[in-house]
Amino acid sequence: MHDEDEKTLIEPDGLRYKTKAPGSPFGGRGAFVGGTMSCLLCGKHRPRSMLHSKTLMGKAQMVCSPSCAELDAIMAKR
């Protein structure tokens, strides 16, 4: 059997990571870190300017604008 990665062992006190760097991978602190949100449909983090609100399941949710596939194509060209 292979050795499990030390960083992903769950300790008896409930802590999971021993060497995980603190903070968010998106930088900054606070509720609106870096001005990004994840799209409800594709799950990718996008700047808020690339998302729009759409009513899904009775609630306003943020999704890629114009669509996830079209936005991926635009981002690939950059």
C-alpha atoms as a PDB file:
ATOM      1  CA  MET A   1       0.000   0.000   0.000  1.00  0.00           C
ATOM      2  CA  HIS A   2       1.112   3.564  -0.564  1.00  0.00           C
ATOM      3  CA  ASP A   3       1.694   6.051   2.206  1.00  0.00           C
ATOM      4  CA  GLU A   4      -1.074   8.600   2.607  1.00  0.00           C
ATOM      5  CA  ASP A   5      -0.139  12.216   2.014  1.00  0.00           C
ATOM      6  CA  GLU A   6       0.679  13.800   5.383  1.00  0.00           C
ATOM      7  CA  LYS A   7      -1.184  17.015   4.481  1.00  0.00           C
ATOM      8  CA  THR A   8      -4.543  15.254   4.116  1.00  0.00           C
ATOM      9  CA  LEU A   9      -4.599  13.116   7.250  1.00  0.00           C
ATOM     10  CA  ILE A  10      -7.442  13.899   9.606  1.00  0.00           C
ATOM     11  CA  GLU A  11      -6.077  14.288  13.112  1.00  0.00           C
ATOM     12  CA  PRO A  12      -7.951  13.102  16.235  1.00  0.00           C
ATOM     13  CA  ASP A  13      -8.725  16.737  17.129  1.00  0.00           C
ATOM     14  CA  GLY A  14     -10.524  17.171  13.763  1.00  0.00           C
ATOM     15  CA  LEU A  15      -7.847  19.237  11.985  1.00  0.00           C
ATOM     16  CA  ARG A  16      -7.137  18.053   8.468  1.00  0.00           C
ATOM     17  CA  TYR A  17      -4.137  19.980   7.164  1.00  0.00           C
ATOM     18  CA  LYS A  18      -0.769  20.286   8.855  1.00  0.00           C
ATOM     19  CA  THR A  19       0.944  22.494   6.268  1.00  0.00           C
ATOM     20  CA  LYS A  20      -1.916  24.256   4.472  1.00  0.00           C
ATOM     21  CA  ALA A  21      -1.156  27.913   3.815  1.00  0.00           C
ATOM     22  CA  PRO A  22      -3.624  30.271   5.528  1.00  0.00           C
ATOM     23  CA  GLY A  23      -6.020  32.424   3.550  1.00  0.00           C
ATOM     24  CA  SER A  24      -7.918  32.159   0.328  1.00  0.00           C
ATOM     25  CA  PRO A  25      -6.398  31.227  -3.044  1.00  0.00           C
ATOM     26  CA  PHE A  26      -8.246  34.263  -4.427  1.00  0.00           C
ATOM     27  CA  GLY A  27      -6.398  36.725  -2.174  1.00  0.00           C
ATOM     28  CA  GLY A  28      -7.678  39.350   0.199  1.00  0.00           C
ATOM     29  CA  ARG A  29     -10.055  39.022   3.106  1.00  0.00           C
ATOM     30  CA  GLY A  30     -13.717  39.687   3.725  1.00  0.00           C
ATOM     31  CA  ALA A  31     -17.074  38.735   2.267  1.00  0.00           C
ATOM     32  CA  PHE A  32     -16.322  39.840  -1.295  1.00  0.00           C
ATOM     33  CA  VAL A  33     -12.795  38.512  -1.693  1.00  0.00           C
ATOM     34  CA  GLY A  34     -11.226  39.752  -4.893  1.00  0.00           C
ATOM     35  CA  GLY A  35     -14.597  40.515  -6.461  1.00  0.00           C
ATOM     36  CA  THR A  36     -15.096  36.923  -7.636  1.00  0.00           C
ATOM     37  CA  MET A  37     -17.922  34.451  -7.256  1.00  0.00           C
ATOM     38  CA  SER A  38     -18.444  30.941  -8.499  1.00  0.00           C
ATOM     39  CA  CYS A  39     -20.982  30.188 -11.204  1.00  0.00           C
ATOM     40  CA  LEU A  40     -23.802  27.978  -9.958  1.00  0.00           C
ATOM     41  CA  LEU A  41     -23.770  25.953 -13.199  1.00  0.00           C
ATOM     42  CA  CYS A  42     -20.069  25.343 -13.951  1.00  0.00           C
ATOM     43  CA  GLY A  43     -18.547  26.129 -10.529  1.00  0.00           C
ATOM     44  CA  LYS A  44     -15.695  28.239 -11.926  1.00  0.00           C
ATOM     45  CA  HIS A  45     -14.717  31.447 -10.156  1.00  0.00           C
ATOM     46  CA  ARG A  46     -15.292  34.468 -12.329  1.00  0.00           C
ATOM     47  CA  PRO A  47     -15.113  38.229 -11.768  1.00  0.00           C
ATOM     48  CA  ARG A  48     -18.552  39.530 -10.828  1.00  0.00           C
ATOM     49  CA  SER A  49     -18.648  41.521 -14.070  1.00  0.00           C
ATOM     50  CA  MET A  50     -18.709  38.218 -16.023  1.00  0.00           C
ATOM     51  CA  LEU A  51     -21.722  36.876 -14.107  1.00  0.00           C
ATOM     52  CA  HIS A  52     -25.391  37.758 -14.138  1.00  0.00           C
ATOM     53  CA  SER A  53     -28.283  36.927 -11.866  1.00  0.00           C
ATOM     54  CA  LYS A  54     -30.712  34.233 -12.935  1.00  0.00           C
ATOM     55  CA  THR A  55     -33.689  32.926 -10.978  1.00  0.00           C
ATOM     56  CA  LEU A  56     -33.189  29.216 -10.365  1.00  0.00           C
ATOM     57  CA  MET A  57     -35.240  27.179  -7.912  1.00  0.00           C
ATOM     58  CA  GLY A  58     -37.000  30.338  -6.755  1.00  0.00           C
ATOM     59  CA  LYS A  59     -33.807  32.206  -5.799  1.00  0.00           C
ATOM     60  CA  ALA A  60     -31.519  34.608  -7.619  1.00  0.00           C
ATOM     61  CA  GLN A  61     -28.292  32.758  -8.445  1.00  0.00           C
ATOM     62  CA  MET A  62     -25.150  34.004 -10.181  1.00  0.00           C
ATOM     63  CA  VAL A  63     -24.301  32.270 -13.481  1.00  0.00           C
ATOM     64  CA  CYS A  64     -21.851  32.954 -16.319  1.00  0.00           C
ATOM     65  CA  SER A  65     -22.906  35.558 -18.850  1.00  0.00           C
ATOM     66  CA  PRO A  66     -23.717  34.943 -21.716  1.00  0.00           C
ATOM     67  CA  SER A  67     -23.187  31.207 -20.997  1.00  0.00           C
ATOM     68  CA  CYS A  68     -20.500  29.007 -19.430  1.00  0.00           C
ATOM     69  CA  ALA A  69     -19.332  27.614 -22.794  1.00  0.00           C
ATOM     70  CA  GLU A  70     -19.245  31.004 -24.510  1.00  0.00           C
ATOM     71  CA  LEU A  71     -17.359  32.573 -21.592  1.00  0.00           C
ATOM     72  CA  ASP A  72     -14.797  29.721 -21.647  1.00  0.00           C
ATOM     73  CA  ALA A  73     -14.245  30.398 -25.367  1.00  0.00           C
ATOM     74  CA  ILE A  74     -13.756  34.120 -24.705  1.00  0.00           C
ATOM     75  CA  MET A  75     -11.300  33.415 -21.879  1.00  0.00           C
ATOM     76  CA  ALA A  76      -9.354  30.932 -24.051  1.00  0.00           C
ATOM     77  CA  LYS A  77      -8.787  33.633 -26.692  1.00  0.00           C
ATOM     78  CA  ARG A  78      -7.140  35.965 -24.157  1.00  0.00           C
END
